[in-house]
N, C-alpha and C. Protein backbone atom coordinates (compact mmCIF):
# COMPACT_ATOMS: atom_id res chain seq x y z
N MET A 1 19.92 71.10 15.10
CA MET A 1 19.80 69.69 15.40
C MET A 1 18.78 69.06 14.45
N VAL A 2 19.14 67.96 13.83
CA VAL A 2 18.26 67.27 12.89
C VAL A 2 17.49 66.19 13.64
N SER A 3 16.20 66.21 13.47
CA SER A 3 15.35 65.24 14.14
C SER A 3 15.37 63.90 13.41
N SER A 4 15.41 62.82 14.16
CA SER A 4 15.39 61.49 13.55
C SER A 4 14.00 61.15 13.02
N PHE A 5 13.01 61.95 13.38
CA PHE A 5 11.66 61.73 12.89
C PHE A 5 11.51 62.07 11.42
N ASN A 6 12.45 62.82 10.86
CA ASN A 6 12.39 63.20 9.46
C ASN A 6 12.95 62.13 8.54
N LYS A 7 13.57 61.12 9.09
CA LYS A 7 14.13 60.03 8.29
C LYS A 7 13.00 59.10 7.85
N PRO A 8 13.13 58.53 6.66
CA PRO A 8 12.07 57.61 6.20
C PRO A 8 12.02 56.36 7.07
N ALA A 9 10.82 55.91 7.32
CA ALA A 9 10.63 54.70 8.13
C ALA A 9 10.91 53.46 7.29
N HIS A 10 11.43 52.43 7.94
CA HIS A 10 11.69 51.16 7.26
C HIS A 10 10.85 50.09 7.93
N SER A 11 10.37 49.18 7.13
CA SER A 11 9.59 48.08 7.71
C SER A 11 10.54 47.13 8.45
N LEU A 12 9.97 46.38 9.34
CA LEU A 12 10.76 45.40 10.08
C LEU A 12 11.38 44.39 9.13
N LYS A 13 10.65 44.01 8.10
CA LYS A 13 11.16 43.08 7.09
C LYS A 13 12.41 43.65 6.42
N GLU A 14 12.37 44.93 6.06
CA GLU A 14 13.54 45.56 5.43
C GLU A 14 14.74 45.55 6.37
N VAL A 15 14.49 45.82 7.63
CA VAL A 15 15.58 45.84 8.62
C VAL A 15 16.18 44.44 8.76
N PHE A 16 15.32 43.42 8.89
CA PHE A 16 15.82 42.04 9.01
C PHE A 16 16.54 41.59 7.75
N ASP A 17 15.98 41.91 6.58
CA ASP A 17 16.63 41.53 5.33
C ASP A 17 18.02 42.14 5.23
N THR A 18 18.15 43.39 5.65
CA THR A 18 19.45 44.07 5.62
C THR A 18 20.42 43.40 6.59
N MET A 19 19.94 43.07 7.78
CA MET A 19 20.80 42.40 8.77
C MET A 19 21.24 41.03 8.28
N ILE A 20 20.29 40.26 7.78
CA ILE A 20 20.60 38.91 7.29
C ILE A 20 21.62 38.95 6.18
N SER A 21 21.41 39.87 5.26
CA SER A 21 22.35 40.03 4.15
C SER A 21 23.71 40.49 4.64
N GLY A 22 23.71 41.41 5.59
CA GLY A 22 24.96 41.93 6.14
C GLY A 22 25.80 40.87 6.82
N PHE A 23 25.15 39.93 7.47
CA PHE A 23 25.86 38.84 8.13
C PHE A 23 26.17 37.68 7.19
N GLY A 24 25.68 37.75 5.95
CA GLY A 24 25.93 36.68 4.99
C GLY A 24 25.09 35.44 5.23
N TRP A 25 23.93 35.62 5.83
CA TRP A 25 23.07 34.50 6.17
C TRP A 25 21.98 34.24 5.14
N ASP A 26 22.03 34.89 4.00
CA ASP A 26 20.96 34.79 2.99
C ASP A 26 20.64 33.34 2.65
N GLU A 27 21.65 32.59 2.26
CA GLU A 27 21.43 31.21 1.82
C GLU A 27 20.93 30.33 2.96
N LEU A 28 21.47 30.52 4.14
CA LEU A 28 21.05 29.72 5.29
C LEU A 28 19.57 29.94 5.60
N VAL A 29 19.16 31.19 5.60
CA VAL A 29 17.76 31.50 5.88
C VAL A 29 16.85 30.93 4.80
N LYS A 30 17.26 31.04 3.56
CA LYS A 30 16.45 30.51 2.47
C LYS A 30 16.35 28.99 2.55
N GLN A 31 17.42 28.33 2.95
CA GLN A 31 17.41 26.87 3.06
C GLN A 31 16.43 26.40 4.12
N GLU A 32 16.23 27.21 5.13
CA GLU A 32 15.30 26.85 6.20
C GLU A 32 13.86 26.82 5.72
N LYS A 33 13.60 27.38 4.55
CA LYS A 33 12.25 27.38 3.98
C LYS A 33 11.94 26.07 3.25
N VAL A 34 12.94 25.27 2.97
CA VAL A 34 12.74 24.05 2.18
C VAL A 34 11.74 23.08 2.82
N PRO A 35 11.79 22.80 4.13
CA PRO A 35 10.81 21.87 4.71
C PRO A 35 9.37 22.36 4.54
N VAL A 36 9.16 23.65 4.69
CA VAL A 36 7.82 24.21 4.53
C VAL A 36 7.39 24.10 3.07
N MET A 37 8.31 24.41 2.16
CA MET A 37 8.00 24.31 0.73
C MET A 37 7.66 22.87 0.35
N TRP A 38 8.38 21.91 0.92
CA TRP A 38 8.13 20.50 0.60
C TRP A 38 6.67 20.15 0.89
N ARG A 39 6.23 20.47 2.07
CA ARG A 39 4.86 20.15 2.48
C ARG A 39 3.83 20.87 1.60
N GLU A 40 4.09 22.13 1.29
CA GLU A 40 3.17 22.90 0.44
C GLU A 40 3.10 22.33 -0.97
N ILE A 41 4.23 21.93 -1.51
CA ILE A 41 4.30 21.46 -2.89
C ILE A 41 3.67 20.09 -3.06
N VAL A 42 4.00 19.16 -2.18
CA VAL A 42 3.49 17.80 -2.35
C VAL A 42 2.09 17.62 -1.78
N GLY A 43 1.68 18.51 -0.90
CA GLY A 43 0.35 18.40 -0.29
C GLY A 43 0.37 17.54 0.96
N GLU A 44 -0.69 17.66 1.74
CA GLU A 44 -0.77 16.98 3.03
C GLU A 44 -0.73 15.45 2.90
N LYS A 45 -1.46 14.92 1.94
CA LYS A 45 -1.55 13.46 1.80
C LYS A 45 -0.17 12.84 1.56
N ILE A 46 0.56 13.39 0.61
CA ILE A 46 1.90 12.86 0.31
C ILE A 46 2.87 13.19 1.45
N ALA A 47 2.79 14.40 1.98
CA ALA A 47 3.71 14.79 3.06
C ALA A 47 3.56 13.90 4.29
N ASP A 48 2.35 13.40 4.52
CA ASP A 48 2.15 12.48 5.64
C ASP A 48 2.82 11.13 5.41
N LYS A 49 3.05 10.78 4.16
CA LYS A 49 3.69 9.51 3.81
C LYS A 49 5.17 9.67 3.47
N ALA A 50 5.56 10.89 3.13
CA ALA A 50 6.93 11.17 2.70
C ALA A 50 7.45 12.36 3.50
N ALA A 51 8.18 12.08 4.55
CA ALA A 51 8.60 13.11 5.50
C ALA A 51 9.95 13.71 5.14
N TYR A 52 10.03 15.01 5.30
CA TYR A 52 11.29 15.73 5.16
C TYR A 52 12.24 15.22 6.24
N VAL A 53 13.47 14.90 5.86
CA VAL A 53 14.48 14.46 6.83
C VAL A 53 15.50 15.57 7.05
N ARG A 54 16.14 16.00 5.95
CA ARG A 54 17.11 17.09 6.06
C ARG A 54 17.41 17.64 4.67
N PHE A 55 18.05 18.79 4.66
CA PHE A 55 18.49 19.41 3.42
C PHE A 55 19.94 19.79 3.62
N GLU A 56 20.81 19.23 2.76
CA GLU A 56 22.25 19.39 2.97
C GLU A 56 22.97 19.42 1.64
N ASN A 57 23.77 20.46 1.42
CA ASN A 57 24.59 20.57 0.20
C ASN A 57 23.78 20.38 -1.08
N GLY A 58 22.60 20.95 -1.12
CA GLY A 58 21.77 20.88 -2.32
C GLY A 58 20.98 19.59 -2.48
N ILE A 59 21.09 18.71 -1.49
CA ILE A 59 20.38 17.42 -1.55
C ILE A 59 19.26 17.41 -0.51
N LEU A 60 18.06 17.16 -0.97
CA LEU A 60 16.89 17.06 -0.11
C LEU A 60 16.64 15.58 0.18
N PHE A 61 16.68 15.21 1.45
CA PHE A 61 16.47 13.82 1.86
C PHE A 61 15.04 13.65 2.38
N ILE A 62 14.36 12.66 1.80
CA ILE A 62 12.97 12.37 2.14
C ILE A 62 12.87 10.91 2.58
N ARG A 63 12.10 10.67 3.64
CA ARG A 63 11.88 9.30 4.13
C ARG A 63 10.43 8.91 3.82
N VAL A 64 10.25 7.73 3.27
CA VAL A 64 8.91 7.25 2.93
C VAL A 64 8.56 6.00 3.74
N GLU A 65 7.26 5.74 3.84
CA GLU A 65 6.78 4.61 4.63
C GLU A 65 6.86 3.28 3.89
N SER A 66 6.77 3.32 2.57
CA SER A 66 6.69 2.05 1.84
C SER A 66 7.35 2.16 0.47
N SER A 67 7.60 1.01 -0.11
CA SER A 67 8.20 0.98 -1.44
C SER A 67 7.25 1.53 -2.50
N VAL A 68 5.96 1.40 -2.27
CA VAL A 68 4.98 1.95 -3.20
C VAL A 68 5.10 3.46 -3.26
N TRP A 69 5.18 4.10 -2.09
CA TRP A 69 5.35 5.56 -2.05
C TRP A 69 6.71 5.97 -2.60
N ARG A 70 7.73 5.17 -2.33
CA ARG A 70 9.06 5.47 -2.86
C ARG A 70 9.02 5.50 -4.39
N SER A 71 8.36 4.53 -4.98
CA SER A 71 8.24 4.47 -6.45
C SER A 71 7.47 5.67 -6.99
N GLU A 72 6.37 6.01 -6.33
CA GLU A 72 5.56 7.16 -6.75
C GLU A 72 6.36 8.46 -6.70
N LEU A 73 7.07 8.66 -5.62
CA LEU A 73 7.86 9.89 -5.48
C LEU A 73 9.04 9.91 -6.43
N TYR A 74 9.62 8.76 -6.66
CA TYR A 74 10.74 8.69 -7.60
C TYR A 74 10.31 9.18 -8.98
N LEU A 75 9.11 8.80 -9.39
CA LEU A 75 8.60 9.22 -10.70
C LEU A 75 8.32 10.72 -10.76
N ARG A 76 8.04 11.32 -9.60
CA ARG A 76 7.66 12.73 -9.57
C ARG A 76 8.73 13.66 -8.99
N LYS A 77 9.88 13.10 -8.63
CA LYS A 77 10.87 13.92 -7.91
C LYS A 77 11.41 15.08 -8.74
N GLU A 78 11.53 14.93 -10.04
CA GLU A 78 12.01 16.04 -10.88
C GLU A 78 11.03 17.21 -10.85
N SER A 79 9.76 16.91 -10.92
CA SER A 79 8.77 17.99 -10.88
C SER A 79 8.76 18.66 -9.50
N PHE A 80 8.93 17.88 -8.43
CA PHE A 80 9.02 18.46 -7.09
C PHE A 80 10.25 19.36 -6.98
N LYS A 81 11.37 18.86 -7.47
CA LYS A 81 12.62 19.63 -7.43
C LYS A 81 12.47 20.94 -8.19
N ASN A 82 11.91 20.86 -9.38
CA ASN A 82 11.72 22.06 -10.20
C ASN A 82 10.80 23.07 -9.53
N GLU A 83 9.75 22.59 -8.88
CA GLU A 83 8.81 23.49 -8.22
C GLU A 83 9.46 24.17 -7.01
N ILE A 84 10.25 23.44 -6.24
CA ILE A 84 10.95 24.06 -5.11
C ILE A 84 11.89 25.14 -5.62
N ASN A 85 12.67 24.82 -6.64
CA ASN A 85 13.61 25.80 -7.19
C ASN A 85 12.89 27.01 -7.76
N LYS A 86 11.76 26.78 -8.37
CA LYS A 86 10.96 27.89 -8.92
C LYS A 86 10.48 28.80 -7.80
N ARG A 87 9.96 28.23 -6.74
CA ARG A 87 9.47 29.03 -5.61
C ARG A 87 10.61 29.75 -4.90
N TYR A 88 11.74 29.11 -4.86
CA TYR A 88 12.91 29.68 -4.20
C TYR A 88 13.49 30.83 -5.00
N GLY A 89 13.35 30.77 -6.32
CA GLY A 89 13.86 31.83 -7.17
C GLY A 89 15.21 31.54 -7.77
N SER A 90 15.80 30.42 -7.41
CA SER A 90 17.07 29.98 -7.99
C SER A 90 17.23 28.50 -7.68
N LYS A 91 18.29 27.92 -8.24
CA LYS A 91 18.49 26.48 -8.05
C LYS A 91 19.10 26.22 -6.68
N ILE A 92 18.27 25.76 -5.77
CA ILE A 92 18.74 25.42 -4.43
C ILE A 92 18.81 23.90 -4.27
N VAL A 93 17.87 23.18 -4.87
CA VAL A 93 17.83 21.72 -4.77
C VAL A 93 18.43 21.13 -6.04
N ASP A 94 19.53 20.40 -5.86
CA ASP A 94 20.17 19.71 -6.99
C ASP A 94 19.61 18.30 -7.16
N GLU A 95 19.24 17.71 -6.03
CA GLU A 95 18.82 16.31 -6.06
C GLU A 95 17.87 16.03 -4.90
N ILE A 96 16.96 15.10 -5.11
CA ILE A 96 16.09 14.61 -4.04
C ILE A 96 16.39 13.13 -3.86
N VAL A 97 16.77 12.76 -2.64
CA VAL A 97 17.05 11.36 -2.31
C VAL A 97 15.87 10.84 -1.49
N ILE A 98 15.30 9.75 -1.96
CA ILE A 98 14.13 9.17 -1.32
C ILE A 98 14.51 7.82 -0.74
N ARG A 99 14.31 7.65 0.55
CA ARG A 99 14.68 6.40 1.24
C ARG A 99 13.51 5.87 2.02
C-alpha cells in the first residue's frame, strides 16, 4: 500500500489555480482584479473623484464628478490603460470610457 504522505504537497494557491484553469475561469478571475488595479494605479485622490463603474468586453467604464476631472483623466487614460495591461500581463483593457 502506497501512503499518500509520500506525495509532494501543493500550496492552496496551486490547487486553486489548477481548479480555475480547469473550469476555464482564468479570464473571469483576472477581470475581477481590474477594480483593485484601478484604485492602485490612479491613487486614492483620483480614485475618490473617478469611480470604477464596470469592466465589460475590454472596456473599462469610469464615472467622474466633474468636467475638470473628466478632462484630466482623458489626458491620462492611455497611461492608465497601459499600466493596467502591464500589471495584468497581457492586453485586457482595450479602452477606457470616462463619463
